[in-house]
Amino acid sequence: MLTVSGAVGGQHLVALQARDSASKPWVTLTSKYGEPGAGNFRLQAPSPGTRQYRLYLPARKDLDSAALAYATGVTTSLTRQSIGYAKFSANVVTLGQSVTASLYIAPGTGIRTTLQRWNGKAWVGVKDIVLAKGRGSYTFKTTARGTTAYRFFVPSTTYGGRAITWTTSASLPLVVR
């Protein structure tokens, strides 16, 4: 979830506005008064997707130009899939043993992901896995001894009409003895 924070002197109403593109109108998502004294505020965007966000406050004589420029600036935020888990059924196995690589992402979409392996120079595809409700797995037999790093690549997609950018899981080491 996107969190926008900053400081404006005194207590002022600050609104978080968003739009899907430059051709769309600004819509107020939430608003709040800055904390008295410190003038700090923290607002969170409630919906996933890549959108333009801005902090808006009415022009006031007691605000300096730097605070006003910051508060009305436009930023674009990229939303990524949340990886609930990416794991092996066992991290240490014997040669020839089957191991299952599993992935769970949110939101629970049906998307084609790729299990990748580090070959010492680059990440290479091992197997494409189609997720069902955000979950998927792939079982394979180990064929070589040693430690190999794997990861899941989750490509860009849309959810509820909003763009979600690509992401990868953390590296998953697999030790074959």
N, C-alpha and C. Protein backbone atom coordinates (compact mmCIF):
# COMPACT_ATOMS: atom_id res chain seq x y z
N MET A 1 0.84 -1.16 0.00
CA MET A 1 0.00 0.00 0.00
C MET A 1 0.89 1.24 0.00
N LEU A 2 0.59 2.19 -0.85
CA LEU A 2 1.36 3.42 -0.94
C LEU A 2 1.11 4.28 0.28
N THR A 3 2.16 4.79 0.86
CA THR A 3 2.06 5.72 1.96
C THR A 3 2.79 6.99 1.58
N VAL A 4 2.12 8.12 1.69
CA VAL A 4 2.72 9.41 1.38
C VAL A 4 2.82 10.16 2.69
N SER A 5 3.99 10.70 2.97
CA SER A 5 4.13 11.47 4.20
C SER A 5 4.98 12.69 3.94
N GLY A 6 4.85 13.67 4.80
CA GLY A 6 5.61 14.89 4.65
C GLY A 6 5.28 15.83 5.79
N ALA A 7 5.72 17.06 5.68
CA ALA A 7 5.48 18.02 6.75
C ALA A 7 5.02 19.34 6.17
N VAL A 8 4.03 19.93 6.77
CA VAL A 8 3.53 21.25 6.42
C VAL A 8 3.38 21.99 7.72
N GLY A 9 3.91 23.21 7.80
CA GLY A 9 3.86 23.97 9.04
C GLY A 9 2.45 24.22 9.52
N GLY A 10 2.20 24.03 10.80
CA GLY A 10 0.87 24.27 11.37
C GLY A 10 -0.08 23.14 11.09
N GLN A 11 -1.34 23.37 11.39
CA GLN A 11 -2.36 22.34 11.19
C GLN A 11 -3.17 22.72 9.97
N HIS A 12 -3.08 21.92 8.90
CA HIS A 12 -3.77 22.20 7.65
C HIS A 12 -4.42 20.93 7.13
N LEU A 13 -5.53 21.09 6.45
CA LEU A 13 -6.18 19.96 5.81
C LEU A 13 -5.38 19.59 4.57
N VAL A 14 -4.99 18.31 4.46
CA VAL A 14 -4.23 17.81 3.33
C VAL A 14 -5.05 16.68 2.71
N ALA A 15 -5.19 16.69 1.40
CA ALA A 15 -5.95 15.65 0.71
C ALA A 15 -5.03 14.86 -0.20
N LEU A 16 -5.18 13.54 -0.21
CA LEU A 16 -4.47 12.68 -1.14
C LEU A 16 -5.40 12.45 -2.32
N GLN A 17 -4.96 12.87 -3.50
CA GLN A 17 -5.76 12.72 -4.70
C GLN A 17 -5.05 11.78 -5.67
N ALA A 18 -5.82 11.14 -6.54
CA ALA A 18 -5.26 10.19 -7.49
C ALA A 18 -6.00 10.28 -8.81
N ARG A 19 -5.32 9.83 -9.85
CA ARG A 19 -5.96 9.68 -11.16
C ARG A 19 -5.23 8.57 -11.90
N ASP A 20 -5.94 7.92 -12.82
CA ASP A 20 -5.36 6.81 -13.56
C ASP A 20 -4.39 7.25 -14.65
N SER A 21 -4.61 8.45 -15.21
CA SER A 21 -3.72 8.98 -16.24
C SER A 21 -3.90 10.49 -16.30
N ALA A 22 -3.04 11.14 -17.08
CA ALA A 22 -3.08 12.60 -17.17
C ALA A 22 -4.39 13.10 -17.79
N SER A 23 -5.09 12.26 -18.53
CA SER A 23 -6.35 12.68 -19.15
C SER A 23 -7.56 12.49 -18.23
N LYS A 24 -7.36 11.90 -17.07
CA LYS A 24 -8.45 11.66 -16.13
C LYS A 24 -8.48 12.74 -15.07
N PRO A 25 -9.64 12.98 -14.47
CA PRO A 25 -9.73 14.00 -13.41
C PRO A 25 -9.15 13.48 -12.09
N TRP A 26 -8.72 14.41 -11.24
CA TRP A 26 -8.23 14.06 -9.91
C TRP A 26 -9.42 13.69 -9.03
N VAL A 27 -9.26 12.64 -8.24
CA VAL A 27 -10.28 12.17 -7.30
C VAL A 27 -9.65 12.14 -5.91
N THR A 28 -10.35 12.68 -4.92
CA THR A 28 -9.83 12.67 -3.56
C THR A 28 -10.06 11.30 -2.95
N LEU A 29 -8.98 10.66 -2.51
CA LEU A 29 -9.05 9.34 -1.89
C LEU A 29 -9.28 9.45 -0.39
N THR A 30 -8.55 10.34 0.24
CA THR A 30 -8.66 10.52 1.68
C THR A 30 -8.10 11.90 2.03
N SER A 31 -8.48 12.40 3.19
CA SER A 31 -7.93 13.67 3.64
C SER A 31 -7.79 13.63 5.15
N LYS A 32 -6.95 14.52 5.64
CA LYS A 32 -6.68 14.52 7.06
C LYS A 32 -6.00 15.83 7.44
N TYR A 33 -6.15 16.22 8.68
CA TYR A 33 -5.45 17.39 9.19
C TYR A 33 -4.07 16.96 9.64
N GLY A 34 -3.07 17.80 9.34
CA GLY A 34 -1.73 17.56 9.85
C GLY A 34 -1.75 17.65 11.36
N GLU A 35 -0.84 16.93 12.00
CA GLU A 35 -0.80 16.94 13.46
C GLU A 35 -0.43 18.33 13.96
N PRO A 36 -1.12 18.84 14.97
CA PRO A 36 -0.83 20.17 15.47
C PRO A 36 0.62 20.28 15.94
N GLY A 37 1.21 21.43 15.73
CA GLY A 37 2.59 21.65 16.16
C GLY A 37 3.58 21.18 15.12
N ALA A 38 3.74 19.88 14.98
CA ALA A 38 4.74 19.35 14.05
C ALA A 38 4.30 19.53 12.60
N GLY A 39 2.99 19.53 12.36
CA GLY A 39 2.50 19.68 10.99
C GLY A 39 2.77 18.47 10.14
N ASN A 40 2.96 17.30 10.75
CA ASN A 40 3.22 16.08 10.00
C ASN A 40 1.91 15.42 9.59
N PHE A 41 1.95 14.71 8.48
CA PHE A 41 0.78 13.96 8.04
C PHE A 41 1.23 12.67 7.39
N ARG A 42 0.32 11.69 7.37
CA ARG A 42 0.60 10.40 6.74
C ARG A 42 -0.71 9.91 6.16
N LEU A 43 -0.74 9.68 4.85
CA LEU A 43 -1.94 9.23 4.17
C LEU A 43 -1.62 7.97 3.39
N GLN A 44 -2.57 7.06 3.30
CA GLN A 44 -2.35 5.82 2.57
C GLN A 44 -3.36 5.70 1.44
N ALA A 45 -2.87 5.27 0.27
CA ALA A 45 -3.75 5.04 -0.87
C ALA A 45 -4.45 3.70 -0.67
N PRO A 46 -5.78 3.66 -0.79
CA PRO A 46 -6.52 2.44 -0.49
C PRO A 46 -6.60 1.40 -1.60
N SER A 47 -6.22 1.73 -2.83
CA SER A 47 -6.41 0.77 -3.91
C SER A 47 -5.10 0.43 -4.61
N PRO A 48 -4.97 -0.83 -5.11
CA PRO A 48 -3.76 -1.22 -5.81
C PRO A 48 -3.75 -0.70 -7.24
N GLY A 49 -2.60 -0.62 -7.84
CA GLY A 49 -2.48 -0.22 -9.23
C GLY A 49 -1.50 0.92 -9.41
N THR A 50 -1.10 1.14 -10.65
CA THR A 50 -0.20 2.24 -10.96
C THR A 50 -1.04 3.46 -11.25
N ARG A 51 -0.88 4.48 -10.45
CA ARG A 51 -1.67 5.69 -10.60
C ARG A 51 -0.79 6.89 -10.33
N GLN A 52 -1.30 8.06 -10.66
CA GLN A 52 -0.64 9.30 -10.29
C GLN A 52 -1.28 9.77 -9.00
N TYR A 53 -0.44 10.23 -8.07
CA TYR A 53 -0.92 10.72 -6.78
C TYR A 53 -0.42 12.14 -6.57
N ARG A 54 -1.18 12.92 -5.85
CA ARG A 54 -0.72 14.23 -5.44
C ARG A 54 -1.32 14.56 -4.09
N LEU A 55 -0.59 15.35 -3.35
CA LEU A 55 -1.09 15.89 -2.11
C LEU A 55 -1.60 17.28 -2.42
N TYR A 56 -2.79 17.58 -1.99
CA TYR A 56 -3.42 18.84 -2.33
C TYR A 56 -3.84 19.56 -1.07
N LEU A 57 -3.55 20.85 -1.02
CA LEU A 57 -4.11 21.69 0.03
C LEU A 57 -4.37 23.05 -0.58
N PRO A 58 -5.43 23.69 -0.13
CA PRO A 58 -5.79 24.98 -0.71
C PRO A 58 -4.67 25.99 -0.52
N ALA A 59 -4.53 26.91 -1.47
CA ALA A 59 -3.50 27.96 -1.35
C ALA A 59 -3.78 28.78 -0.10
N ARG A 60 -2.74 28.93 0.72
CA ARG A 60 -2.89 29.68 1.96
C ARG A 60 -1.74 30.66 2.07
N LYS A 61 -2.02 31.84 2.59
CA LYS A 61 -1.00 32.87 2.71
C LYS A 61 0.08 32.50 3.71
N ASP A 62 -0.27 31.69 4.72
CA ASP A 62 0.72 31.37 5.76
C ASP A 62 1.62 30.18 5.40
N LEU A 63 1.46 29.59 4.19
CA LEU A 63 2.34 28.50 3.77
C LEU A 63 3.45 29.06 2.90
N ASP A 64 4.65 28.57 3.11
CA ASP A 64 5.73 29.03 2.24
C ASP A 64 5.64 28.29 0.90
N SER A 65 6.28 28.82 -0.11
CA SER A 65 6.16 28.27 -1.46
C SER A 65 6.73 26.86 -1.56
N ALA A 66 7.76 26.53 -0.78
CA ALA A 66 8.35 25.20 -0.84
C ALA A 66 7.35 24.15 -0.35
N ALA A 67 6.65 24.43 0.73
CA ALA A 67 5.67 23.48 1.25
C ALA A 67 4.52 23.31 0.26
N LEU A 68 4.07 24.40 -0.34
CA LEU A 68 2.98 24.33 -1.29
C LEU A 68 3.40 23.55 -2.54
N ALA A 69 4.61 23.78 -3.02
CA ALA A 69 5.10 23.06 -4.20
C ALA A 69 5.18 21.56 -3.90
N TYR A 70 5.66 21.20 -2.70
CA TYR A 70 5.73 19.79 -2.33
C TYR A 70 4.34 19.19 -2.26
N ALA A 71 3.42 19.91 -1.65
CA ALA A 71 2.09 19.38 -1.41
C ALA A 71 1.30 19.20 -2.69
N THR A 72 1.63 19.92 -3.75
CA THR A 72 0.86 19.78 -4.99
C THR A 72 1.62 19.02 -6.07
N GLY A 73 2.79 18.47 -5.73
CA GLY A 73 3.58 17.72 -6.72
C GLY A 73 2.89 16.42 -7.11
N VAL A 74 3.17 15.93 -8.31
CA VAL A 74 2.59 14.68 -8.80
C VAL A 74 3.64 13.58 -8.72
N THR A 75 3.25 12.44 -8.19
CA THR A 75 4.13 11.29 -8.19
C THR A 75 3.39 10.10 -8.78
N THR A 76 4.13 9.21 -9.38
CA THR A 76 3.53 7.99 -9.91
C THR A 76 4.05 6.83 -9.07
N SER A 77 3.16 6.00 -8.61
CA SER A 77 3.53 4.88 -7.76
C SER A 77 3.29 3.57 -8.49
N LEU A 78 4.26 2.67 -8.42
CA LEU A 78 4.10 1.34 -9.00
C LEU A 78 3.69 0.36 -7.93
N THR A 79 2.64 -0.37 -8.19
CA THR A 79 2.18 -1.38 -7.25
C THR A 79 2.69 -2.74 -7.72
N ARG A 80 3.20 -3.52 -6.80
CA ARG A 80 3.71 -4.85 -7.11
C ARG A 80 2.83 -5.91 -6.43
N GLN A 81 2.85 -7.12 -6.99
CA GLN A 81 2.19 -8.24 -6.34
C GLN A 81 2.83 -8.44 -4.97
N SER A 82 2.05 -8.81 -4.01
CA SER A 82 2.57 -9.15 -2.69
C SER A 82 2.84 -10.65 -2.68
N ILE A 83 4.07 -11.04 -2.37
CA ILE A 83 4.40 -12.47 -2.34
C ILE A 83 4.17 -12.98 -0.92
N GLY A 84 3.15 -13.83 -0.78
CA GLY A 84 2.83 -14.42 0.51
C GLY A 84 3.90 -15.41 0.93
N TYR A 85 4.28 -16.29 -0.01
CA TYR A 85 5.41 -17.18 0.22
C TYR A 85 5.96 -17.67 -1.11
N ALA A 86 7.23 -17.97 -1.11
CA ALA A 86 7.94 -18.62 -2.21
C ALA A 86 8.89 -19.57 -1.50
N LYS A 87 8.72 -20.88 -1.71
CA LYS A 87 9.50 -21.84 -0.92
C LYS A 87 9.63 -23.17 -1.63
N PHE A 88 10.58 -23.98 -1.11
CA PHE A 88 10.72 -25.36 -1.52
C PHE A 88 10.11 -26.24 -0.43
N SER A 89 9.69 -27.44 -0.82
CA SER A 89 9.15 -28.39 0.16
C SER A 89 10.26 -28.83 1.13
N ALA A 90 11.50 -28.80 0.67
CA ALA A 90 12.68 -29.06 1.51
C ALA A 90 13.83 -28.28 0.90
N ASN A 91 14.65 -27.66 1.73
CA ASN A 91 15.77 -26.87 1.22
C ASN A 91 17.04 -27.70 1.03
N VAL A 92 17.11 -28.86 1.68
CA VAL A 92 18.25 -29.77 1.55
C VAL A 92 17.69 -31.13 1.15
N VAL A 93 18.14 -31.64 0.00
CA VAL A 93 17.63 -32.91 -0.52
C VAL A 93 18.81 -33.76 -1.01
N THR A 94 18.52 -35.02 -1.31
CA THR A 94 19.55 -35.90 -1.87
C THR A 94 19.38 -35.98 -3.39
N LEU A 95 20.44 -36.33 -4.06
CA LEU A 95 20.44 -36.44 -5.51
C LEU A 95 19.34 -37.40 -5.97
N GLY A 96 18.54 -36.97 -6.94
CA GLY A 96 17.44 -37.79 -7.46
C GLY A 96 16.13 -37.63 -6.73
N GLN A 97 16.14 -36.93 -5.61
CA GLN A 97 14.93 -36.72 -4.83
C GLN A 97 14.05 -35.66 -5.49
N SER A 98 12.74 -35.82 -5.38
CA SER A 98 11.80 -34.82 -5.90
C SER A 98 11.65 -33.69 -4.89
N VAL A 99 11.54 -32.48 -5.41
CA VAL A 99 11.34 -31.30 -4.57
C VAL A 99 10.26 -30.45 -5.24
N THR A 100 9.44 -29.79 -4.44
CA THR A 100 8.36 -28.95 -4.96
C THR A 100 8.63 -27.49 -4.64
N ALA A 101 8.60 -26.65 -5.67
CA ALA A 101 8.71 -25.20 -5.51
C ALA A 101 7.30 -24.64 -5.52
N SER A 102 6.94 -23.85 -4.50
CA SER A 102 5.58 -23.32 -4.37
C SER A 102 5.60 -21.81 -4.25
N LEU A 103 4.55 -21.19 -4.78
CA LEU A 103 4.42 -19.73 -4.75
C LEU A 103 2.99 -19.35 -4.42
N TYR A 104 2.84 -18.31 -3.60
CA TYR A 104 1.53 -17.72 -3.32
C TYR A 104 1.67 -16.21 -3.41
N ILE A 105 0.82 -15.57 -4.23
CA ILE A 105 0.83 -14.12 -4.37
C ILE A 105 -0.54 -13.54 -4.07
N ALA A 106 -0.56 -12.27 -3.75
CA ALA A 106 -1.82 -11.55 -3.56
C ALA A 106 -1.73 -10.24 -4.34
N PRO A 107 -2.79 -9.81 -4.99
CA PRO A 107 -4.08 -10.48 -5.00
C PRO A 107 -4.01 -11.82 -5.73
N GLY A 108 -4.92 -12.71 -5.37
CA GLY A 108 -4.92 -14.08 -5.89
C GLY A 108 -5.42 -14.15 -7.32
N THR A 109 -4.53 -13.90 -8.26
CA THR A 109 -4.90 -13.90 -9.67
C THR A 109 -4.42 -15.16 -10.35
N GLY A 110 -4.91 -15.38 -11.54
CA GLY A 110 -4.43 -16.47 -12.38
C GLY A 110 -3.44 -15.87 -13.38
N ILE A 111 -2.18 -16.03 -13.14
CA ILE A 111 -1.14 -15.43 -13.97
C ILE A 111 -0.05 -16.46 -14.20
N ARG A 112 0.65 -16.35 -15.32
CA ARG A 112 1.76 -17.25 -15.63
C ARG A 112 3.03 -16.66 -15.03
N THR A 113 3.64 -17.41 -14.11
CA THR A 113 4.90 -17.00 -13.49
C THR A 113 6.00 -17.93 -13.99
N THR A 114 7.23 -17.60 -13.68
CA THR A 114 8.35 -18.44 -14.12
C THR A 114 9.25 -18.75 -12.94
N LEU A 115 9.55 -20.03 -12.75
CA LEU A 115 10.58 -20.44 -11.80
C LEU A 115 11.90 -20.27 -12.53
N GLN A 116 12.83 -19.52 -11.92
CA GLN A 116 14.12 -19.25 -12.54
C GLN A 116 15.25 -19.82 -11.68
N ARG A 117 16.40 -20.08 -12.35
CA ARG A 117 17.59 -20.60 -11.69
C ARG A 117 18.76 -19.70 -12.04
N TRP A 118 19.64 -19.43 -11.08
CA TRP A 118 20.84 -18.64 -11.32
C TRP A 118 21.91 -19.56 -11.88
N ASN A 119 22.40 -19.27 -13.10
CA ASN A 119 23.41 -20.13 -13.72
C ASN A 119 24.83 -19.61 -13.52
N GLY A 120 25.01 -18.65 -12.65
CA GLY A 120 26.32 -18.08 -12.40
C GLY A 120 26.53 -16.75 -13.10
N LYS A 121 25.70 -16.46 -14.10
CA LYS A 121 25.81 -15.21 -14.85
C LYS A 121 24.46 -14.49 -14.98
N ALA A 122 23.39 -15.26 -15.04
CA ALA A 122 22.06 -14.67 -15.26
C ALA A 122 20.98 -15.62 -14.74
N TRP A 123 19.78 -15.06 -14.56
CA TRP A 123 18.63 -15.87 -14.19
C TRP A 123 18.05 -16.47 -15.46
N VAL A 124 17.88 -17.80 -15.48
CA VAL A 124 17.33 -18.49 -16.65
C VAL A 124 16.05 -19.21 -16.25
N GLY A 125 15.12 -19.29 -17.19
CA GLY A 125 13.84 -19.93 -16.92
C GLY A 125 13.96 -21.43 -16.77
N VAL A 126 13.29 -21.98 -15.76
CA VAL A 126 13.25 -23.43 -15.54
C VAL A 126 11.90 -23.95 -16.00
N LYS A 127 10.83 -23.29 -15.53
CA LYS A 127 9.48 -23.76 -15.84
C LYS A 127 8.49 -22.63 -15.66
N ASP A 128 7.56 -22.48 -16.61
CA ASP A 128 6.44 -21.55 -16.45
C ASP A 128 5.37 -22.24 -15.63
N ILE A 129 4.83 -21.52 -14.67
CA ILE A 129 3.82 -22.06 -13.77
C ILE A 129 2.61 -21.14 -13.81
N VAL A 130 1.45 -21.69 -14.15
CA VAL A 130 0.21 -20.90 -14.17
C VAL A 130 -0.41 -20.98 -12.79
N LEU A 131 -0.61 -19.82 -12.18
CA LEU A 131 -1.20 -19.78 -10.84
C LEU A 131 -2.72 -19.85 -10.93
N ALA A 132 -3.33 -20.46 -9.95
CA ALA A 132 -4.78 -20.50 -9.80
C ALA A 132 -5.10 -19.85 -8.46
N LYS A 133 -5.85 -18.76 -8.48
CA LYS A 133 -6.17 -18.01 -7.27
C LYS A 133 -4.90 -17.62 -6.51
N GLY A 134 -3.85 -17.28 -7.27
CA GLY A 134 -2.60 -16.80 -6.67
C GLY A 134 -1.67 -17.89 -6.19
N ARG A 135 -2.01 -19.17 -6.39
CA ARG A 135 -1.18 -20.27 -5.89
C ARG A 135 -0.74 -21.18 -7.04
N GLY A 136 0.50 -21.67 -6.93
CA GLY A 136 0.99 -22.60 -7.93
C GLY A 136 2.22 -23.31 -7.42
N SER A 137 2.55 -24.44 -8.05
CA SER A 137 3.73 -25.20 -7.64
C SER A 137 4.25 -26.01 -8.83
N TYR A 138 5.49 -26.45 -8.68
CA TYR A 138 6.14 -27.27 -9.70
C TYR A 138 7.04 -28.26 -8.99
N THR A 139 6.90 -29.55 -9.33
CA THR A 139 7.71 -30.60 -8.72
C THR A 139 8.69 -31.13 -9.76
N PHE A 140 9.96 -31.26 -9.33
CA PHE A 140 10.99 -31.78 -10.23
C PHE A 140 11.98 -32.62 -9.45
N LYS A 141 12.70 -33.50 -10.17
CA LYS A 141 13.75 -34.32 -9.55
C LYS A 141 15.08 -33.61 -9.69
N THR A 142 15.87 -33.66 -8.64
CA THR A 142 17.19 -33.05 -8.67
C THR A 142 18.13 -33.91 -9.50
N THR A 143 19.01 -33.24 -10.27
CA THR A 143 19.88 -33.97 -11.19
C THR A 143 21.37 -33.69 -10.99
N ALA A 144 21.70 -32.74 -10.11
CA ALA A 144 23.12 -32.42 -9.90
C ALA A 144 23.34 -32.00 -8.45
N ARG A 145 24.49 -32.37 -7.92
CA ARG A 145 24.83 -32.00 -6.54
C ARG A 145 25.28 -30.53 -6.48
N GLY A 146 25.15 -29.95 -5.28
CA GLY A 146 25.60 -28.58 -5.07
C GLY A 146 24.46 -27.69 -4.61
N THR A 147 24.77 -26.42 -4.48
CA THR A 147 23.78 -25.42 -4.06
C THR A 147 23.42 -24.56 -5.26
N THR A 148 22.14 -24.43 -5.51
CA THR A 148 21.65 -23.61 -6.63
C THR A 148 20.61 -22.64 -6.10
N ALA A 149 20.66 -21.40 -6.60
CA ALA A 149 19.68 -20.38 -6.21
C ALA A 149 18.55 -20.37 -7.23
N TYR A 150 17.34 -20.32 -6.73
CA TYR A 150 16.14 -20.22 -7.56
C TYR A 150 15.36 -18.99 -7.12
N ARG A 151 14.44 -18.57 -7.96
CA ARG A 151 13.50 -17.51 -7.61
C ARG A 151 12.29 -17.61 -8.52
N PHE A 152 11.21 -16.94 -8.15
CA PHE A 152 10.03 -16.84 -9.00
C PHE A 152 9.99 -15.45 -9.60
N PHE A 153 9.70 -15.37 -10.89
CA PHE A 153 9.49 -14.10 -11.58
C PHE A 153 8.00 -13.97 -11.82
N VAL A 154 7.40 -12.87 -11.35
CA VAL A 154 5.98 -12.60 -11.54
C VAL A 154 5.87 -11.41 -12.49
N PRO A 155 5.36 -11.61 -13.70
CA PRO A 155 5.33 -10.53 -14.69
C PRO A 155 4.26 -9.47 -14.39
N SER A 156 4.32 -8.38 -15.13
CA SER A 156 3.32 -7.32 -15.00
C SER A 156 1.96 -7.86 -15.40
N THR A 157 0.92 -7.31 -14.80
CA THR A 157 -0.45 -7.72 -15.09
C THR A 157 -1.38 -6.57 -14.75
N THR A 158 -2.65 -6.82 -14.81
CA THR A 158 -3.64 -5.85 -14.34
C THR A 158 -4.54 -6.54 -13.33
N TYR A 159 -5.09 -5.75 -12.44
CA TYR A 159 -6.04 -6.27 -11.46
C TYR A 159 -7.09 -5.19 -11.23
N GLY A 160 -8.33 -5.52 -11.48
CA GLY A 160 -9.40 -4.53 -11.33
C GLY A 160 -9.21 -3.34 -12.27
N GLY A 161 -8.59 -3.57 -13.43
CA GLY A 161 -8.38 -2.51 -14.39
C GLY A 161 -7.16 -1.64 -14.14
N ARG A 162 -6.40 -1.94 -13.11
CA ARG A 162 -5.21 -1.15 -12.79
C ARG A 162 -3.95 -1.98 -13.03
N ALA A 163 -2.91 -1.31 -13.46
CA ALA A 163 -1.65 -2.00 -13.77
C ALA A 163 -0.90 -2.37 -12.50
N ILE A 164 -0.34 -3.57 -12.49
CA ILE A 164 0.54 -4.03 -11.42
C ILE A 164 1.85 -4.43 -12.09
N THR A 165 2.95 -3.86 -11.63
CA THR A 165 4.24 -4.10 -12.27
C THR A 165 4.85 -5.42 -11.80
N TRP A 166 5.87 -5.85 -12.50
CA TRP A 166 6.52 -7.14 -12.24
C TRP A 166 7.26 -7.12 -10.90
N THR A 167 7.53 -8.31 -10.40
CA THR A 167 8.32 -8.48 -9.19
C THR A 167 8.97 -9.85 -9.20
N THR A 168 9.89 -10.06 -8.29
CA THR A 168 10.51 -11.37 -8.12
C THR A 168 10.49 -11.73 -6.64
N SER A 169 10.53 -13.02 -6.38
CA SER A 169 10.63 -13.47 -4.99
C SER A 169 12.07 -13.31 -4.55
N ALA A 170 12.30 -13.50 -3.28
CA ALA A 170 13.68 -13.56 -2.77
C ALA A 170 14.33 -14.83 -3.33
N SER A 171 15.63 -14.87 -3.32
CA SER A 171 16.38 -16.03 -3.77
C SER A 171 16.11 -17.23 -2.86
N LEU A 172 15.90 -18.40 -3.46
CA LEU A 172 15.61 -19.64 -2.71
C LEU A 172 16.75 -20.62 -2.95
N PRO A 173 17.65 -20.81 -1.99
CA PRO A 173 18.74 -21.77 -2.19
C PRO A 173 18.24 -23.22 -2.04
N LEU A 174 18.73 -24.07 -2.91
CA LEU A 174 18.41 -25.49 -2.85
C LEU A 174 19.72 -26.26 -2.80
N VAL A 175 19.93 -27.04 -1.75
CA VAL A 175 21.15 -27.81 -1.56
C VAL A 175 20.86 -29.27 -1.92
N VAL A 176 21.63 -29.80 -2.85
CA VAL A 176 21.48 -31.20 -3.27
C VAL A 176 22.75 -31.94 -2.84
N ARG A 177 22.59 -33.00 -2.02
CA ARG A 177 23.74 -33.78 -1.52
C ARG A 177 23.82 -35.12 -2.19
